[in-house]
All heavy atoms as atom14 arrays in JSON, in Angstrom:
{
  "sequence": "AVHRTLKEAGTELGAVTEIVVGAGPGPYTGLRVGLVTAA",
  "atom14_mask": [
    [1, 1, 1, 1, 1, 0, 0, 0, 0, 0, 0, 0, 0, 0],
    [1, 1, 1, 1, 1, 1, 1, 0, 0, 0, 0, 0, 0, 0],
    [1, 1, 1, 1, 1, 1, 1, 1, 1, 1, 0, 0, 0, 0],
    [1, 1, 1, 1, 1, 1, 1, 1, 1, 1, 1, 0, 0, 0],
    [1, 1, 1, 1, 1, 1, 1, 0, 0, 0, 0, 0, 0, 0],
    [1, 1, 1, 1, 1, 1, 1, 1, 0, 0, 0, 0, 0, 0],
    [1, 1, 1, 1, 1, 1, 1, 1, 1, 0, 0, 0, 0, 0],
    [1, 1, 1, 1, 1, 1, 1, 1, 1, 0, 0, 0, 0, 0],
    [1, 1, 1, 1, 1, 0, 0, 0, 0, 0, 0, 0, 0, 0],
    [1, 1, 1, 1, 0, 0, 0, 0, 0, 0, 0, 0, 0, 0],
    [1, 1, 1, 1, 1, 1, 1, 0, 0, 0, 0, 0, 0, 0],
    [1, 1, 1, 1, 1, 1, 1, 1, 1, 0, 0, 0, 0, 0],
    [1, 1, 1, 1, 1, 1, 1, 1, 0, 0, 0, 0, 0, 0],
    [1, 1, 1, 1, 0, 0, 0, 0, 0, 0, 0, 0, 0, 0],
    [1, 1, 1, 1, 1, 0, 0, 0, 0, 0, 0, 0, 0, 0],
    [1, 1, 1, 1, 1, 1, 1, 0, 0, 0, 0, 0, 0, 0],
    [1, 1, 1, 1, 1, 1, 1, 0, 0, 0, 0, 0, 0, 0],
    [1, 1, 1, 1, 1, 1, 1, 1, 1, 0, 0, 0, 0, 0],
    [1, 1, 1, 1, 1, 1, 1, 1, 0, 0, 0, 0, 0, 0],
    [1, 1, 1, 1, 1, 1, 1, 0, 0, 0, 0, 0, 0, 0],
    [1, 1, 1, 1, 1, 1, 1, 0, 0, 0, 0, 0, 0, 0],
    [1, 1, 1, 1, 0, 0, 0, 0, 0, 0, 0, 0, 0, 0],
    [1, 1, 1, 1, 1, 0, 0, 0, 0, 0, 0, 0, 0, 0],
    [1, 1, 1, 1, 0, 0, 0, 0, 0, 0, 0, 0, 0, 0],
    [1, 1, 1, 1, 1, 1, 1, 0, 0, 0, 0, 0, 0, 0],
    [1, 1, 1, 1, 0, 0, 0, 0, 0, 0, 0, 0, 0, 0],
    [1, 1, 1, 1, 1, 1, 1, 0, 0, 0, 0, 0, 0, 0],
    [1, 1, 1, 1, 1, 1, 1, 1, 1, 1, 1, 1, 0, 0],
    [1, 1, 1, 1, 1, 1, 1, 0, 0, 0, 0, 0, 0, 0],
    [1, 1, 1, 1, 0, 0, 0, 0, 0, 0, 0, 0, 0, 0],
    [1, 1, 1, 1, 1, 1, 1, 1, 0, 0, 0, 0, 0, 0],
    [1, 1, 1, 1, 1, 1, 1, 1, 1, 1, 1, 0, 0, 0],
    [1, 1, 1, 1, 1, 1, 1, 0, 0, 0, 0, 0, 0, 0],
    [1, 1, 1, 1, 0, 0, 0, 0, 0, 0, 0, 0, 0, 0],
    [1, 1, 1, 1, 1, 1, 1, 1, 0, 0, 0, 0, 0, 0],
    [1, 1, 1, 1, 1, 1, 1, 0, 0, 0, 0, 0, 0, 0],
    [1, 1, 1, 1, 1, 1, 1, 0, 0, 0, 0, 0, 0, 0],
    [1, 1, 1, 1, 1, 0, 0, 0, 0, 0, 0, 0, 0, 0],
    [1, 1, 1, 1, 1, 0, 0, 0, 0, 0, 0, 0, 0, 0]
  ],
  "atom14_positions": [
    [[4.61, 5.21, 5.73], [3.31, 4.83, 6.3], [3.15, 3.32, 6.34], [2.61, 2.76, 7.3], [2.18, 5.47, 5.49], [0.0, 0.0, 0.0], [0.0, 0.0, 0.0], [0.0, 0.0, 0.0], [0.0, 0.0, 0.0], [0.0, 0.0, 0.0], [0.0, 0.0, 0.0], [0.0, 0.0, 0.0], [0.0, 0.0, 0.0], [0.0, 0.0, 0.0]],
    [[3.61, 2.64, 5.29], [3.57, 1.18, 5.29], [4.43, 0.64, 6.44], [4.02, -0.27, 7.18], [4.08, 0.63, 3.94], [4.23, -0.9, 4.0], [3.12, 1.01, 2.81], [0.0, 0.0, 0.0], [0.0, 0.0, 0.0], [0.0, 0.0, 0.0], [0.0, 0.0, 0.0], [0.0, 0.0, 0.0], [0.0, 0.0, 0.0], [0.0, 0.0, 0.0]],
    [[5.62, 1.21, 6.61], [6.52, 0.77, 7.68], [5.88, 0.97, 9.04], [5.93, 0.07, 9.9], [7.84, 1.54, 7.58], [8.79, 1.24, 8.7], [9.5, 0.06, 8.78], [9.12, 1.96, 9.82], [10.24, 0.06, 9.88], [10.03, 1.19, 10.51], [0.0, 0.0, 0.0], [0.0, 0.0, 0.0], [0.0, 0.0, 0.0], [0.0, 0.0, 0.0]],
    [[5.27, 2.13, 9.28], [4.63, 2.39, 10.57], [3.5, 1.42, 10.84], [3.32, 0.94, 11.97], [4.08, 3.83, 10.61], [5.11, 4.91, 10.79], [4.44, 6.23, 11.18], [3.42, 6.64, 10.23], [3.67, 7.35, 9.13], [4.92, 7.72, 8.84], [2.69, 7.71, 8.33], [0.0, 0.0, 0.0], [0.0, 0.0, 0.0], [0.0, 0.0, 0.0]],
    [[2.72, 1.14, 9.81], [1.58, 0.25, 9.97], [2.02, -1.17, 10.3], [1.45, -1.83, 11.19], [0.72, 0.26, 8.69], [0.34, 1.6, 8.38], [-0.54, -0.57, 8.87], [0.0, 0.0, 0.0], [0.0, 0.0, 0.0], [0.0, 0.0, 0.0], [0.0, 0.0, 0.0], [0.0, 0.0, 0.0], [0.0, 0.0, 0.0], [0.0, 0.0, 0.0]],
    [[3.04, -1.65, 9.6], [3.58, -2.98, 9.89], [4.14, -3.04, 11.3], [3.95, -4.01, 12.04], [4.65, -3.34, 8.87], [4.17, -3.6, 7.44], [5.35, -3.63, 6.48], [3.38, -4.9, 7.35], [0.0, 0.0, 0.0], [0.0, 0.0, 0.0], [0.0, 0.0, 0.0], [0.0, 0.0, 0.0], [0.0, 0.0, 0.0], [0.0, 0.0, 0.0]],
    [[4.86, -1.98, 11.71], [5.44, -1.94, 13.04], [4.36, -1.94, 14.11], [4.47, -2.63, 15.14], [6.33, -0.71, 13.18], [7.07, -0.63, 14.5], [7.99, 0.59, 14.54], [8.75, 0.66, 15.87], [9.66, 1.84, 15.91], [0.0, 0.0, 0.0], [0.0, 0.0, 0.0], [0.0, 0.0, 0.0], [0.0, 0.0, 0.0], [0.0, 0.0, 0.0]],
    [[3.3, -1.16, 13.89], [2.19, -1.12, 14.85], [1.55, -2.48, 15.02], [1.14, -2.87, 16.13], [1.15, -0.1, 14.4], [-0.05, 0.02, 15.34], [-1.12, 0.96, 14.8], [-0.8, 1.8, 13.94], [-2.27, 0.86, 15.25], [0.0, 0.0, 0.0], [0.0, 0.0, 0.0], [0.0, 0.0, 0.0], [0.0, 0.0, 0.0], [0.0, 0.0, 0.0]],
    [[1.45, -3.22, 13.91], [0.83, -4.55, 13.94], [1.79, -5.61, 14.44], [1.38, -6.76, 14.67], [0.33, -4.92, 12.55], [0.0, 0.0, 0.0], [0.0, 0.0, 0.0], [0.0, 0.0, 0.0], [0.0, 0.0, 0.0], [0.0, 0.0, 0.0], [0.0, 0.0, 0.0], [0.0, 0.0, 0.0], [0.0, 0.0, 0.0], [0.0, 0.0, 0.0]],
    [[3.07, -5.27, 14.58], [4.05, -6.24, 15.04], [4.33, -7.33, 14.03], [4.55, -8.49, 14.4], [0.0, 0.0, 0.0], [0.0, 0.0, 0.0], [0.0, 0.0, 0.0], [0.0, 0.0, 0.0], [0.0, 0.0, 0.0], [0.0, 0.0, 0.0], [0.0, 0.0, 0.0], [0.0, 0.0, 0.0], [0.0, 0.0, 0.0], [0.0, 0.0, 0.0]],
    [[4.35, -6.97, 12.76], [4.57, -7.96, 11.71], [5.49, -7.38, 10.65], [5.97, -6.25, 10.76], [3.23, -8.41, 11.09], [3.47, -9.52, 10.23], [2.58, -7.27, 10.32], [0.0, 0.0, 0.0], [0.0, 0.0, 0.0], [0.0, 0.0, 0.0], [0.0, 0.0, 0.0], [0.0, 0.0, 0.0], [0.0, 0.0, 0.0], [0.0, 0.0, 0.0]],
    [[5.76, -8.17, 9.6], [6.63, -7.75, 8.52], [5.9, -7.86, 7.19], [4.89, -8.57, 7.07], [7.9, -8.61, 8.49], [8.75, -8.47, 9.75], [10.01, -9.32, 9.67], [10.15, -10.1, 8.69], [10.85, -9.21, 10.59], [0.0, 0.0, 0.0], [0.0, 0.0, 0.0], [0.0, 0.0, 0.0], [0.0, 0.0, 0.0], [0.0, 0.0, 0.0]],
    [[6.44, -7.18, 6.19], [5.79, -7.17, 4.88], [5.65, -8.58, 4.32], [4.67, -8.9, 3.64], [6.6, -6.3, 3.9], [6.0, -6.09, 2.52], [4.65, -5.39, 2.6], [6.96, -5.27, 1.64], [0.0, 0.0, 0.0], [0.0, 0.0, 0.0], [0.0, 0.0, 0.0], [0.0, 0.0, 0.0], [0.0, 0.0, 0.0], [0.0, 0.0, 0.0]],
    [[6.62, -9.44, 4.61], [6.58, -10.8, 4.08], [5.41, -11.62, 4.57], [5.09, -12.67, 3.98], [0.0, 0.0, 0.0], [0.0, 0.0, 0.0], [0.0, 0.0, 0.0], [0.0, 0.0, 0.0], [0.0, 0.0, 0.0], [0.0, 0.0, 0.0], [0.0, 0.0, 0.0], [0.0, 0.0, 0.0], [0.0, 0.0, 0.0], [0.0, 0.0, 0.0]],
    [[4.73, -11.18, 5.63], [3.58, -11.92, 6.16], [2.29, -11.58, 5.42], [1.28, -12.27, 5.59], [3.41, -11.62, 7.64], [0.0, 0.0, 0.0], [0.0, 0.0, 0.0], [0.0, 0.0, 0.0], [0.0, 0.0, 0.0], [0.0, 0.0, 0.0], [0.0, 0.0, 0.0], [0.0, 0.0, 0.0], [0.0, 0.0, 0.0], [0.0, 0.0, 0.0]],
    [[2.31, -10.54, 4.59], [1.11, -10.12, 3.87], [0.7, -11.19, 2.86], [1.54, -11.73, 2.13], [1.35, -8.78, 3.15], [0.23, -8.46, 2.17], [1.5, -7.66, 4.17], [0.0, 0.0, 0.0], [0.0, 0.0, 0.0], [0.0, 0.0, 0.0], [0.0, 0.0, 0.0], [0.0, 0.0, 0.0], [0.0, 0.0, 0.0], [0.0, 0.0, 0.0]],
    [[-0.59, -11.52, 2.82], [-1.09, -12.55, 1.92], [-1.87, -12.0, 0.74], [-2.04, -12.67, -0.27], [-2.0, -13.54, 2.67], [-3.12, -12.84, 3.23], [-1.22, -14.24, 3.78], [0.0, 0.0, 0.0], [0.0, 0.0, 0.0], [0.0, 0.0, 0.0], [0.0, 0.0, 0.0], [0.0, 0.0, 0.0], [0.0, 0.0, 0.0], [0.0, 0.0, 0.0]],
    [[-2.4, -10.77, 0.88], [-3.14, -10.13, -0.21], [-2.99, -8.62, -0.09], [-2.76, -8.09, 1.01], [-4.62, -10.51, -0.19], [-4.87, -12.0, -0.36], [-6.32, -12.33, -0.69], [-6.83, -11.82, -1.7], [-6.92, -13.08, 0.08], [0.0, 0.0, 0.0], [0.0, 0.0, 0.0], [0.0, 0.0, 0.0], [0.0, 0.0, 0.0], [0.0, 0.0, 0.0]],
    [[-3.18, -7.93, -1.21], [-3.07, -6.47, -1.24], [-4.28, -5.9, -1.95], [-4.73, -6.44, -2.96], [-1.78, -6.04, -1.97], [-0.54, -6.55, -1.23], [-1.71, -4.51, -2.12], [0.75, -6.36, -2.01], [0.0, 0.0, 0.0], [0.0, 0.0, 0.0], [0.0, 0.0, 0.0], [0.0, 0.0, 0.0], [0.0, 0.0, 0.0], [0.0, 0.0, 0.0]],
    [[-4.82, -4.82, -1.41], [-5.87, -4.09, -2.11], [-5.45, -2.63, -2.17], [-4.89, -2.08, -1.21], [-7.24, -4.23, -1.4], [-7.21, -3.67, 0.01], [-8.34, -3.56, -2.22], [0.0, 0.0, 0.0], [0.0, 0.0, 0.0], [0.0, 0.0, 0.0], [0.0, 0.0, 0.0], [0.0, 0.0, 0.0], [0.0, 0.0, 0.0], [0.0, 0.0, 0.0]],
    [[-5.67, -2.02, -3.32], [-5.26, -0.64, -3.53], [-6.42, 0.16, -4.1], [-7.22, -0.34, -4.9], [-4.04, -0.57, -4.49], [-4.35, -1.2, -5.84], [-3.56, 0.87, -4.67], [0.0, 0.0, 0.0], [0.0, 0.0, 0.0], [0.0, 0.0, 0.0], [0.0, 0.0, 0.0], [0.0, 0.0, 0.0], [0.0, 0.0, 0.0], [0.0, 0.0, 0.0]],
    [[-6.54, 1.4, -3.65], [-7.56, 2.29, -4.2], [-7.23, 2.62, -5.64], [-6.15, 3.13, -5.95], [0.0, 0.0, 0.0], [0.0, 0.0, 0.0], [0.0, 0.0, 0.0], [0.0, 0.0, 0.0], [0.0, 0.0, 0.0], [0.0, 0.0, 0.0], [0.0, 0.0, 0.0], [0.0, 0.0, 0.0], [0.0, 0.0, 0.0], [0.0, 0.0, 0.0]],
    [[-8.17, 2.36, -6.54], [-7.94, 2.53, -7.98], [-8.45, 3.87, -8.5], [-8.48, 4.1, -9.7], [-8.61, 1.39, -8.75], [0.0, 0.0, 0.0], [0.0, 0.0, 0.0], [0.0, 0.0, 0.0], [0.0, 0.0, 0.0], [0.0, 0.0, 0.0], [0.0, 0.0, 0.0], [0.0, 0.0, 0.0], [0.0, 0.0, 0.0], [0.0, 0.0, 0.0]],
    [[-8.83, 4.77, -7.58], [-9.33, 6.06, -8.0], [-10.85, 6.06, -8.1], [-11.51, 5.14, -7.61], [0.0, 0.0, 0.0], [0.0, 0.0, 0.0], [0.0, 0.0, 0.0], [0.0, 0.0, 0.0], [0.0, 0.0, 0.0], [0.0, 0.0, 0.0], [0.0, 0.0, 0.0], [0.0, 0.0, 0.0], [0.0, 0.0, 0.0], [0.0, 0.0, 0.0]],
    [[-11.36, 7.07, -8.76], [-10.67, 8.1, -9.54], [-9.88, 9.06, -8.67], [-10.2, 9.27, -7.51], [-11.81, 8.82, -10.26], [-13.0, 8.62, -9.37], [-12.84, 7.26, -8.76], [0.0, 0.0, 0.0], [0.0, 0.0, 0.0], [0.0, 0.0, 0.0], [0.0, 0.0, 0.0], [0.0, 0.0, 0.0], [0.0, 0.0, 0.0], [0.0, 0.0, 0.0]],
    [[-8.81, 9.61, -9.28], [-7.97, 10.55, -8.58], [-7.01, 11.2, -9.54], [-6.85, 10.75, -10.68], [0.0, 0.0, 0.0], [0.0, 0.0, 0.0], [0.0, 0.0, 0.0], [0.0, 0.0, 0.0], [0.0, 0.0, 0.0], [0.0, 0.0, 0.0], [0.0, 0.0, 0.0], [0.0, 0.0, 0.0], [0.0, 0.0, 0.0], [0.0, 0.0, 0.0]],
    [[-6.35, 12.27, -9.1], [-5.34, 12.93, -9.94], [-4.26, 11.95, -10.37], [-3.84, 11.08, -9.59], [-4.79, 14.02, -9.03], [-5.92, 14.31, -8.09], [-6.58, 13.0, -7.85], [0.0, 0.0, 0.0], [0.0, 0.0, 0.0], [0.0, 0.0, 0.0], [0.0, 0.0, 0.0], [0.0, 0.0, 0.0], [0.0, 0.0, 0.0], [0.0, 0.0, 0.0]],
    [[-3.77, 12.12, -11.57], [-2.9, 11.14, -12.22], [-1.68, 10.76, -11.38], [-1.44, 9.58, -11.11], [-2.44, 11.72, -13.57], [-1.62, 10.8, -14.42], [-2.22, 9.88, -15.27], [-0.23, 10.85, -14.38], [-1.46, 9.03, -16.07], [0.54, 10.0, -15.17], [-0.08, 9.11, -16.02], [0.69, 8.29, -16.8], [0.0, 0.0, 0.0], [0.0, 0.0, 0.0]],
    [[-0.9, 11.75, -10.94], [0.37, 11.46, -10.27], [0.15, 10.77, -8.93], [0.77, 9.74, -8.63], [1.18, 12.75, -10.08], [1.41, 13.34, -11.35], [2.52, 12.45, -9.42], [0.0, 0.0, 0.0], [0.0, 0.0, 0.0], [0.0, 0.0, 0.0], [0.0, 0.0, 0.0], [0.0, 0.0, 0.0], [0.0, 0.0, 0.0], [0.0, 0.0, 0.0]],
    [[-0.73, 11.33, -8.09], [-0.96, 10.73, -6.8], [-1.52, 9.33, -6.9], [-1.09, 8.43, -6.16], [0.0, 0.0, 0.0], [0.0, 0.0, 0.0], [0.0, 0.0, 0.0], [0.0, 0.0, 0.0], [0.0, 0.0, 0.0], [0.0, 0.0, 0.0], [0.0, 0.0, 0.0], [0.0, 0.0, 0.0], [0.0, 0.0, 0.0], [0.0, 0.0, 0.0]],
    [[-2.45, 9.12, -7.79], [-3.06, 7.8, -7.96], [-2.03, 6.76, -8.34], [-2.03, 5.63, -7.82], [-4.16, 7.89, -9.01], [-4.89, 6.6, -9.39], [-5.47, 5.92, -8.17], [-5.97, 6.89, -10.42], [0.0, 0.0, 0.0], [0.0, 0.0, 0.0], [0.0, 0.0, 0.0], [0.0, 0.0, 0.0], [0.0, 0.0, 0.0], [0.0, 0.0, 0.0]],
    [[-1.11, 7.11, -9.23], [-0.11, 6.15, -9.69], [0.84, 5.71, -8.58], [1.35, 4.58, -8.61], [0.68, 6.73, -10.86], [-0.08, 6.74, -12.17], [0.81, 7.15, -13.33], [1.89, 6.21, -13.53], [1.79, 5.06, -14.2], [0.63, 4.71, -14.72], [2.83, 4.27, -14.35], [0.0, 0.0, 0.0], [0.0, 0.0, 0.0], [0.0, 0.0, 0.0]],
    [[1.1, 6.56, -7.62], [2.0, 6.19, -6.52], [1.49, 4.94, -5.82], [2.24, 3.97, -5.59], [2.15, 7.36, -5.53], [2.87, 6.9, -4.27], [2.9, 8.51, -6.17], [0.0, 0.0, 0.0], [0.0, 0.0, 0.0], [0.0, 0.0, 0.0], [0.0, 0.0, 0.0], [0.0, 0.0, 0.0], [0.0, 0.0, 0.0], [0.0, 0.0, 0.0]],
    [[0.22, 4.93, -5.46], [-0.34, 3.78, -4.78], [-0.42, 2.55, -5.65], [-0.09, 1.44, -5.21], [0.0, 0.0, 0.0], [0.0, 0.0, 0.0], [0.0, 0.0, 0.0], [0.0, 0.0, 0.0], [0.0, 0.0, 0.0], [0.0, 0.0, 0.0], [0.0, 0.0, 0.0], [0.0, 0.0, 0.0], [0.0, 0.0, 0.0], [0.0, 0.0, 0.0]],
    [[-0.82, 2.73, -6.89], [-0.97, 1.59, -7.8], [0.38, 0.93, -8.09], [0.49, -0.3, -8.08], [-1.63, 2.05, -9.1], [-3.12, 2.38, -8.99], [-3.58, 3.16, -10.2], [-3.94, 1.1, -8.84], [0.0, 0.0, 0.0], [0.0, 0.0, 0.0], [0.0, 0.0, 0.0], [0.0, 0.0, 0.0], [0.0, 0.0, 0.0], [0.0, 0.0, 0.0]],
    [[1.39, 1.73, -8.36], [2.71, 1.17, -8.66], [3.3, 0.49, -7.42], [3.91, -0.58, -7.52], [3.65, 2.27, -9.19], [5.08, 1.76, -9.28], [3.17, 2.75, -10.56], [0.0, 0.0, 0.0], [0.0, 0.0, 0.0], [0.0, 0.0, 0.0], [0.0, 0.0, 0.0], [0.0, 0.0, 0.0], [0.0, 0.0, 0.0], [0.0, 0.0, 0.0]],
    [[3.13, 1.1, -6.26], [3.64, 0.49, -5.03], [2.96, -0.84, -4.76], [3.62, -1.83, -4.41], [3.43, 1.45, -3.84], [4.11, 2.67, -4.1], [3.96, 0.84, -2.56], [0.0, 0.0, 0.0], [0.0, 0.0, 0.0], [0.0, 0.0, 0.0], [0.0, 0.0, 0.0], [0.0, 0.0, 0.0], [0.0, 0.0, 0.0], [0.0, 0.0, 0.0]],
    [[1.64, -0.89, -4.92], [0.91, -2.14, -4.7], [1.37, -3.21, -5.68], [1.57, -4.38, -5.29], [-0.59, -1.89, -4.84], [0.0, 0.0, 0.0], [0.0, 0.0, 0.0], [0.0, 0.0, 0.0], [0.0, 0.0, 0.0], [0.0, 0.0, 0.0], [0.0, 0.0, 0.0], [0.0, 0.0, 0.0], [0.0, 0.0, 0.0], [0.0, 0.0, 0.0]],
    [[1.54, -2.84, -6.94], [1.98, -3.81, -7.95], [3.39, -4.32, -7.63], [3.68, -5.52, -7.8], [1.95, -3.17, -9.33], [0.0, 0.0, 0.0], [0.0, 0.0, 0.0], [0.0, 0.0, 0.0], [0.0, 0.0, 0.0], [0.0, 0.0, 0.0], [0.0, 0.0, 0.0], [0.0, 0.0, 0.0], [0.0, 0.0, 0.0], [0.0, 0.0, 0.0]]
  ]
}
């Protein structure tokens, strides 16, 4: 999904200047996927 979004925008991950991630609340496993990826 990250790859598709970057491709749609015509840019690369290296151009990102800030990141925001949903911190929940949510089920343990699913929530950690986003948090760990963002970190």
